[in-house]
Every structure is written in C-alpha cells, then in structure tokens.
Amino acid sequence: MSAPSPAEPTAVERLFVALIRCEPEAALELIHPQAEWSPTVWSGEEVYRGREGAKRWLDQFGPGLESLDIRIEKVQVQEDRAVVLGTVFDTRDGGMFAVRVAWGFEIEDDLVRRGRAFEGWDEAAQAVGLD
C-alpha cells in the first residue's frame, strides 16, 4: 500500500482525530495488527501489542473514552514517521490529572505500527529520526 498524499491525513493524524472525537473503534482500525504501543510515560513500562492491546488500553477510559481528553499542540510527519506533542487529561475515578507527552510513531501500510511516549519533543523526534 502506498503512503498517503500530502493532502491526506496520515494514520497518526487520523488516530488522534478519532481519540479526540471519542471514537475508540475508529482509532483501533488505524492500529497495525502487530503494533507496539507505549502510550504515556505515566502508563508504566507495559507495551500494548496489536489491536487487542490497544483496545485494552483504551477500555480503561470508558466505552466512549469519556475519561480521556487529548489536546494536541504540535505535529510533525515525514513519510512513515511522526512526532506529536500534546497534553493528556485523565478524569477516571472522579479525579483529574494532566500530563504533557511527546509521542514518536512509525507507520507501516498506512497503520500505526509503533507508538512510544517520551517526556519531550526532542527525545521523541530523535527516537524516530526526525531530529
């Protein structure tokens, strides 16, 4: 499968649109079957694998992702790699906390193949070769 044209949003951009719109099923369709996903620094060291792993991670925020709010500040995409900077707000269990996260992504077959969280933009960009 060829890469999307510059006018088309990439898998990473479509993934964040689905998450922001609280559409978990649409988000899962953009995850590669052999994906490796380390969503945030505070999620721990666990690597969620495949769509089932990504679904397990998303399920913790409720069926409509009602406990998850992501605000994107910056996105850089180049061919099959991307870096995203944003803030994640988590309102589970009646509380609320926020964490600023940079993610580095690798895209394969127009699906998110690897996604990993970093503490800062420079670290994420370097990890995926966009520095």
N, C-alpha and C. Protein backbone atom coordinates (compact mmCIF):
# COMPACT_ATOMS: atom_id res chain seq x y z
N MET A 1 0.85 -1.18 0.00
CA MET A 1 0.00 0.00 0.00
C MET A 1 0.89 1.24 0.00
N SER A 2 0.54 2.22 -0.77
CA SER A 2 1.36 3.42 -0.86
C SER A 2 1.04 4.39 0.27
N ALA A 3 1.98 5.29 0.51
CA ALA A 3 1.80 6.31 1.54
C ALA A 3 0.76 7.32 1.08
N PRO A 4 0.04 7.94 2.00
CA PRO A 4 -0.97 8.92 1.60
C PRO A 4 -0.30 10.14 0.97
N SER A 5 -1.05 10.82 0.10
CA SER A 5 -0.53 12.05 -0.49
C SER A 5 -0.49 13.12 0.59
N PRO A 6 0.30 14.19 0.37
CA PRO A 6 0.42 15.23 1.40
C PRO A 6 -0.92 15.84 1.81
N ALA A 7 -1.91 15.82 0.93
CA ALA A 7 -3.20 16.40 1.25
C ALA A 7 -4.03 15.49 2.17
N GLU A 8 -3.69 14.22 2.20
CA GLU A 8 -4.44 13.26 3.03
C GLU A 8 -3.82 13.19 4.42
N PRO A 9 -4.64 13.14 5.45
CA PRO A 9 -4.07 12.98 6.80
C PRO A 9 -3.45 11.59 6.94
N THR A 10 -2.37 11.51 7.67
CA THR A 10 -1.69 10.24 7.90
C THR A 10 -2.46 9.42 8.94
N ALA A 11 -2.05 8.17 9.10
CA ALA A 11 -2.66 7.30 10.10
C ALA A 11 -2.55 7.91 11.49
N VAL A 12 -1.41 8.52 11.79
CA VAL A 12 -1.22 9.13 13.12
C VAL A 12 -2.19 10.29 13.30
N GLU A 13 -2.33 11.13 12.30
CA GLU A 13 -3.26 12.25 12.41
C GLU A 13 -4.70 11.76 12.54
N ARG A 14 -5.07 10.74 11.76
CA ARG A 14 -6.42 10.18 11.85
C ARG A 14 -6.64 9.51 13.21
N LEU A 15 -5.59 8.90 13.76
CA LEU A 15 -5.69 8.28 15.08
C LEU A 15 -6.05 9.31 16.14
N PHE A 16 -5.35 10.43 16.15
CA PHE A 16 -5.63 11.46 17.15
C PHE A 16 -7.00 12.10 16.93
N VAL A 17 -7.43 12.24 15.69
CA VAL A 17 -8.77 12.76 15.42
C VAL A 17 -9.80 11.81 16.04
N ALA A 18 -9.62 10.50 15.85
CA ALA A 18 -10.55 9.52 16.41
C ALA A 18 -10.55 9.58 17.94
N LEU A 19 -9.37 9.70 18.54
CA LEU A 19 -9.29 9.78 20.00
C LEU A 19 -9.96 11.04 20.52
N ILE A 20 -9.71 12.15 19.88
CA ILE A 20 -10.30 13.43 20.30
C ILE A 20 -11.81 13.41 20.14
N ARG A 21 -12.30 12.73 19.11
CA ARG A 21 -13.75 12.63 18.88
C ARG A 21 -14.40 11.53 19.73
N CYS A 22 -13.60 10.86 20.55
CA CYS A 22 -14.10 9.78 21.42
C CYS A 22 -14.69 8.64 20.60
N GLU A 23 -13.93 8.21 19.58
CA GLU A 23 -14.35 7.13 18.70
C GLU A 23 -13.32 6.00 18.78
N PRO A 24 -13.39 5.17 19.84
CA PRO A 24 -12.38 4.13 20.02
C PRO A 24 -12.31 3.12 18.89
N GLU A 25 -13.45 2.75 18.31
CA GLU A 25 -13.42 1.76 17.22
C GLU A 25 -12.69 2.33 15.99
N ALA A 26 -12.92 3.60 15.70
CA ALA A 26 -12.21 4.23 14.57
C ALA A 26 -10.72 4.29 14.85
N ALA A 27 -10.35 4.55 16.11
CA ALA A 27 -8.93 4.58 16.48
C ALA A 27 -8.31 3.21 16.30
N LEU A 28 -9.00 2.16 16.73
CA LEU A 28 -8.45 0.81 16.64
C LEU A 28 -8.24 0.36 15.20
N GLU A 29 -9.05 0.84 14.29
CA GLU A 29 -8.89 0.49 12.87
C GLU A 29 -7.58 1.02 12.30
N LEU A 30 -6.98 2.01 12.96
CA LEU A 30 -5.74 2.62 12.49
C LEU A 30 -4.50 1.99 13.12
N ILE A 31 -4.71 0.98 13.96
CA ILE A 31 -3.61 0.30 14.64
C ILE A 31 -3.23 -0.94 13.84
N HIS A 32 -1.95 -1.09 13.56
CA HIS A 32 -1.43 -2.26 12.85
C HIS A 32 -1.67 -3.52 13.69
N PRO A 33 -1.99 -4.65 13.05
CA PRO A 33 -2.22 -5.88 13.82
C PRO A 33 -1.04 -6.29 14.71
N GLN A 34 0.18 -5.93 14.34
CA GLN A 34 1.36 -6.24 15.16
C GLN A 34 1.92 -4.99 15.83
N ALA A 35 1.06 -4.06 16.14
CA ALA A 35 1.50 -2.79 16.72
C ALA A 35 2.14 -2.99 18.09
N GLU A 36 3.02 -2.05 18.41
CA GLU A 36 3.61 -1.93 19.74
C GLU A 36 3.29 -0.51 20.20
N TRP A 37 2.62 -0.39 21.35
CA TRP A 37 2.10 0.90 21.80
C TRP A 37 2.48 1.12 23.26
N SER A 38 3.26 2.15 23.51
CA SER A 38 3.59 2.59 24.88
C SER A 38 3.02 3.99 25.00
N PRO A 39 1.78 4.12 25.46
CA PRO A 39 1.01 5.35 25.29
C PRO A 39 1.47 6.58 26.04
N THR A 40 1.84 6.46 27.31
CA THR A 40 2.28 7.64 28.05
C THR A 40 3.36 7.24 29.03
N VAL A 41 4.12 8.20 29.43
CA VAL A 41 5.20 7.98 30.37
C VAL A 41 4.64 7.44 31.68
N TRP A 42 3.49 7.95 32.13
CA TRP A 42 2.92 7.54 33.42
C TRP A 42 2.13 6.25 33.33
N SER A 43 1.99 5.66 32.13
CA SER A 43 1.30 4.37 31.99
C SER A 43 2.18 3.20 32.43
N GLY A 44 3.44 3.48 32.70
CA GLY A 44 4.34 2.41 33.11
C GLY A 44 5.10 1.85 31.93
N GLU A 45 5.79 0.77 32.17
CA GLU A 45 6.65 0.17 31.16
C GLU A 45 5.92 -0.78 30.22
N GLU A 46 4.65 -1.08 30.50
CA GLU A 46 3.94 -2.04 29.67
C GLU A 46 3.88 -1.57 28.22
N VAL A 47 4.12 -2.52 27.32
CA VAL A 47 3.96 -2.29 25.90
C VAL A 47 2.70 -3.05 25.48
N TYR A 48 1.72 -2.33 24.97
CA TYR A 48 0.48 -2.93 24.50
C TYR A 48 0.72 -3.40 23.07
N ARG A 49 0.36 -4.63 22.78
CA ARG A 49 0.66 -5.22 21.47
C ARG A 49 -0.61 -5.49 20.68
N GLY A 50 -0.56 -5.13 19.40
CA GLY A 50 -1.67 -5.37 18.49
C GLY A 50 -2.91 -4.56 18.84
N ARG A 51 -3.95 -4.81 18.07
CA ARG A 51 -5.21 -4.09 18.31
C ARG A 51 -5.82 -4.48 19.65
N GLU A 52 -5.66 -5.74 20.05
CA GLU A 52 -6.21 -6.17 21.34
C GLU A 52 -5.55 -5.41 22.49
N GLY A 53 -4.24 -5.24 22.41
CA GLY A 53 -3.55 -4.48 23.44
C GLY A 53 -3.97 -3.03 23.46
N ALA A 54 -4.09 -2.43 22.28
CA ALA A 54 -4.54 -1.03 22.19
C ALA A 54 -5.97 -0.90 22.72
N LYS A 55 -6.81 -1.89 22.43
CA LYS A 55 -8.19 -1.86 22.94
C LYS A 55 -8.19 -1.94 24.47
N ARG A 56 -7.35 -2.79 25.03
CA ARG A 56 -7.25 -2.91 26.48
C ARG A 56 -6.87 -1.57 27.10
N TRP A 57 -5.92 -0.85 26.46
CA TRP A 57 -5.51 0.45 26.97
C TRP A 57 -6.67 1.45 26.87
N LEU A 58 -7.35 1.49 25.73
CA LEU A 58 -8.45 2.43 25.54
C LEU A 58 -9.63 2.13 26.46
N ASP A 59 -9.90 0.85 26.72
CA ASP A 59 -11.05 0.47 27.55
C ASP A 59 -11.01 1.08 28.95
N GLN A 60 -9.83 1.36 29.46
CA GLN A 60 -9.75 1.93 30.81
C GLN A 60 -10.37 3.33 30.89
N PHE A 61 -10.58 3.98 29.74
CA PHE A 61 -11.14 5.33 29.72
C PHE A 61 -12.65 5.33 29.48
N GLY A 62 -13.27 4.16 29.49
CA GLY A 62 -14.71 4.04 29.30
C GLY A 62 -15.06 3.73 27.85
N PRO A 63 -16.27 3.24 27.62
CA PRO A 63 -16.66 2.81 26.27
C PRO A 63 -16.63 3.93 25.23
N GLY A 64 -16.87 5.15 25.63
CA GLY A 64 -16.82 6.29 24.70
C GLY A 64 -15.63 7.19 24.98
N LEU A 65 -14.63 6.65 25.65
CA LEU A 65 -13.42 7.40 26.02
C LEU A 65 -13.76 8.65 26.83
N GLU A 66 -14.85 8.57 27.59
CA GLU A 66 -15.31 9.75 28.32
C GLU A 66 -14.33 10.25 29.38
N SER A 67 -13.39 9.43 29.79
CA SER A 67 -12.40 9.87 30.80
C SER A 67 -11.08 10.31 30.18
N LEU A 68 -11.02 10.40 28.86
CA LEU A 68 -9.79 10.76 28.17
C LEU A 68 -10.01 12.02 27.34
N ASP A 69 -9.09 12.96 27.49
CA ASP A 69 -9.12 14.19 26.69
C ASP A 69 -7.69 14.48 26.28
N ILE A 70 -7.45 14.59 25.00
CA ILE A 70 -6.10 14.86 24.48
C ILE A 70 -6.14 16.17 23.73
N ARG A 71 -5.23 17.07 24.07
CA ARG A 71 -5.09 18.36 23.37
C ARG A 71 -3.75 18.35 22.65
N ILE A 72 -3.78 18.47 21.35
CA ILE A 72 -2.56 18.42 20.53
C ILE A 72 -2.01 19.83 20.34
N GLU A 73 -0.70 19.94 20.53
CA GLU A 73 -0.02 21.22 20.37
C GLU A 73 0.82 21.30 19.09
N LYS A 74 1.40 20.16 18.71
CA LYS A 74 2.35 20.20 17.60
C LYS A 74 2.42 18.81 16.97
N VAL A 75 2.51 18.78 15.63
CA VAL A 75 2.63 17.52 14.89
C VAL A 75 3.66 17.70 13.78
N GLN A 76 4.53 16.72 13.63
CA GLN A 76 5.46 16.70 12.51
C GLN A 76 5.40 15.30 11.90
N VAL A 77 5.14 15.24 10.60
CA VAL A 77 5.04 13.97 9.89
C VAL A 77 6.01 13.98 8.73
N GLN A 78 6.72 12.89 8.56
CA GLN A 78 7.62 12.74 7.42
C GLN A 78 7.60 11.29 6.98
N GLU A 79 7.04 11.06 5.81
CA GLU A 79 6.94 9.71 5.25
C GLU A 79 6.30 8.74 6.23
N ASP A 80 7.06 7.82 6.78
CA ASP A 80 6.49 6.79 7.65
C ASP A 80 6.80 7.01 9.13
N ARG A 81 7.06 8.27 9.50
CA ARG A 81 7.36 8.61 10.90
C ARG A 81 6.61 9.87 11.29
N ALA A 82 6.35 9.99 12.59
CA ALA A 82 5.66 11.19 13.06
C ALA A 82 6.02 11.44 14.52
N VAL A 83 5.93 12.72 14.89
CA VAL A 83 6.09 13.13 16.28
C VAL A 83 4.90 14.03 16.61
N VAL A 84 4.33 13.80 17.79
CA VAL A 84 3.17 14.57 18.24
C VAL A 84 3.44 15.03 19.66
N LEU A 85 3.10 16.27 19.95
CA LEU A 85 3.21 16.81 21.30
C LEU A 85 1.82 17.23 21.75
N GLY A 86 1.45 16.82 22.96
CA GLY A 86 0.14 17.19 23.46
C GLY A 86 0.04 17.00 24.96
N THR A 87 -1.13 17.28 25.47
CA THR A 87 -1.42 17.09 26.89
C THR A 87 -2.58 16.12 27.00
N VAL A 88 -2.40 15.12 27.87
CA VAL A 88 -3.44 14.12 28.12
C VAL A 88 -4.09 14.45 29.45
N PHE A 89 -5.42 14.55 29.44
CA PHE A 89 -6.20 14.78 30.66
C PHE A 89 -6.95 13.48 30.95
N ASP A 90 -6.82 13.01 32.17
CA ASP A 90 -7.43 11.76 32.59
C ASP A 90 -8.36 12.06 33.76
N THR A 91 -9.66 11.75 33.60
CA THR A 91 -10.64 12.08 34.64
C THR A 91 -11.29 10.83 35.24
N ARG A 92 -10.58 9.71 35.22
CA ARG A 92 -11.14 8.48 35.82
C ARG A 92 -11.30 8.63 37.32
N ASP A 93 -12.24 7.87 37.86
CA ASP A 93 -12.45 7.76 39.30
C ASP A 93 -12.72 9.10 39.99
N GLY A 94 -13.36 10.02 39.31
CA GLY A 94 -13.74 11.29 39.91
C GLY A 94 -12.61 12.29 40.10
N GLY A 95 -11.40 11.92 39.75
CA GLY A 95 -10.27 12.84 39.86
C GLY A 95 -9.91 13.38 38.49
N MET A 96 -8.83 14.13 38.45
CA MET A 96 -8.34 14.62 37.16
C MET A 96 -6.87 14.92 37.30
N PHE A 97 -6.12 14.44 36.31
CA PHE A 97 -4.74 14.87 36.24
C PHE A 97 -4.37 15.02 34.78
N ALA A 98 -3.33 15.77 34.55
CA ALA A 98 -2.89 16.04 33.19
C ALA A 98 -1.39 15.80 33.10
N VAL A 99 -0.95 15.35 31.94
CA VAL A 99 0.47 15.15 31.70
C VAL A 99 0.77 15.54 30.25
N ARG A 100 1.84 16.28 30.09
CA ARG A 100 2.29 16.67 28.75
C ARG A 100 3.15 15.54 28.21
N VAL A 101 2.87 15.12 26.99
CA VAL A 101 3.54 13.95 26.41
C VAL A 101 3.95 14.25 24.98
N ALA A 102 5.10 13.73 24.61
CA ALA A 102 5.52 13.70 23.21
C ALA A 102 5.52 12.24 22.79
N TRP A 103 4.96 11.97 21.63
CA TRP A 103 4.92 10.61 21.11
C TRP A 103 5.73 10.53 19.83
N GLY A 104 6.44 9.43 19.65
CA GLY A 104 7.12 9.12 18.40
C GLY A 104 6.41 7.93 17.77
N PHE A 105 6.13 8.02 16.48
CA PHE A 105 5.38 6.97 15.79
C PHE A 105 6.11 6.49 14.55
N GLU A 106 5.90 5.21 14.24
CA GLU A 106 6.31 4.62 12.97
C GLU A 106 5.04 4.09 12.31
N ILE A 107 4.92 4.32 11.03
CA ILE A 107 3.73 3.95 10.27
C ILE A 107 4.12 2.87 9.26
N GLU A 108 3.28 1.85 9.15
CA GLU A 108 3.51 0.77 8.18
C GLU A 108 2.18 0.44 7.53
N ASP A 109 2.16 0.40 6.21
CA ASP A 109 0.92 0.10 5.47
C ASP A 109 -0.21 1.05 5.86
N ASP A 110 0.12 2.30 6.10
CA ASP A 110 -0.83 3.36 6.49
C ASP A 110 -1.56 3.03 7.78
N LEU A 111 -0.87 2.29 8.67
CA LEU A 111 -1.37 1.99 10.01
C LEU A 111 -0.27 2.30 11.02
N VAL A 112 -0.66 2.60 12.25
CA VAL A 112 0.32 2.88 13.30
C VAL A 112 0.95 1.56 13.73
N ARG A 113 2.24 1.41 13.44
CA ARG A 113 2.96 0.18 13.76
C ARG A 113 3.64 0.25 15.12
N ARG A 114 4.22 1.41 15.43
CA ARG A 114 4.86 1.62 16.74
C ARG A 114 4.52 3.02 17.23
N GLY A 115 4.22 3.10 18.50
CA GLY A 115 3.99 4.38 19.14
C GLY A 115 4.59 4.33 20.53
N ARG A 116 5.38 5.33 20.84
CA ARG A 116 6.03 5.34 22.14
C ARG A 116 6.00 6.76 22.71
N ALA A 117 5.75 6.85 24.00
CA ALA A 117 5.70 8.14 24.68
C ALA A 117 7.07 8.54 25.20
N PHE A 118 7.31 9.83 25.18
CA PHE A 118 8.56 10.41 25.68
C PHE A 118 8.23 11.64 26.51
N GLU A 119 9.19 12.07 27.30
CA GLU A 119 8.96 13.24 28.14
C GLU A 119 9.01 14.55 27.36
N GLY A 120 9.71 14.57 26.23
CA GLY A 120 9.82 15.81 25.48
C GLY A 120 9.90 15.60 23.98
N TRP A 121 9.63 16.67 23.26
CA TRP A 121 9.62 16.67 21.80
C TRP A 121 10.96 16.20 21.23
N ASP A 122 12.06 16.76 21.71
CA ASP A 122 13.37 16.42 21.14
C ASP A 122 13.69 14.94 21.27
N GLU A 123 13.36 14.36 22.42
CA GLU A 123 13.61 12.95 22.65
C GLU A 123 12.78 12.09 21.69
N ALA A 124 11.51 12.44 21.50
CA ALA A 124 10.64 11.70 20.60
C ALA A 124 11.10 11.82 19.15
N ALA A 125 11.45 13.05 18.75
CA ALA A 125 11.92 13.28 17.38
C ALA A 125 13.19 12.50 17.09
N GLN A 126 14.10 12.50 18.03
CA GLN A 126 15.36 11.76 17.85
C GLN A 126 15.09 10.25 17.74
N ALA A 127 14.18 9.74 18.55
CA ALA A 127 13.91 8.31 18.56
C ALA A 127 13.37 7.80 17.23
N VAL A 128 12.63 8.64 16.52
CA VAL A 128 12.09 8.21 15.22
C VAL A 128 12.84 8.82 14.04
N GLY A 129 13.94 9.49 14.32
CA GLY A 129 14.78 10.02 13.25
C GLY A 129 14.27 11.29 12.60
N LEU A 130 13.52 12.10 13.34
CA LEU A 130 13.03 13.37 12.81
C LEU A 130 13.69 14.57 13.47
N ASP A 131 14.86 14.38 14.03
CA ASP A 131 15.53 15.50 14.72
C ASP A 131 16.33 16.35 13.76
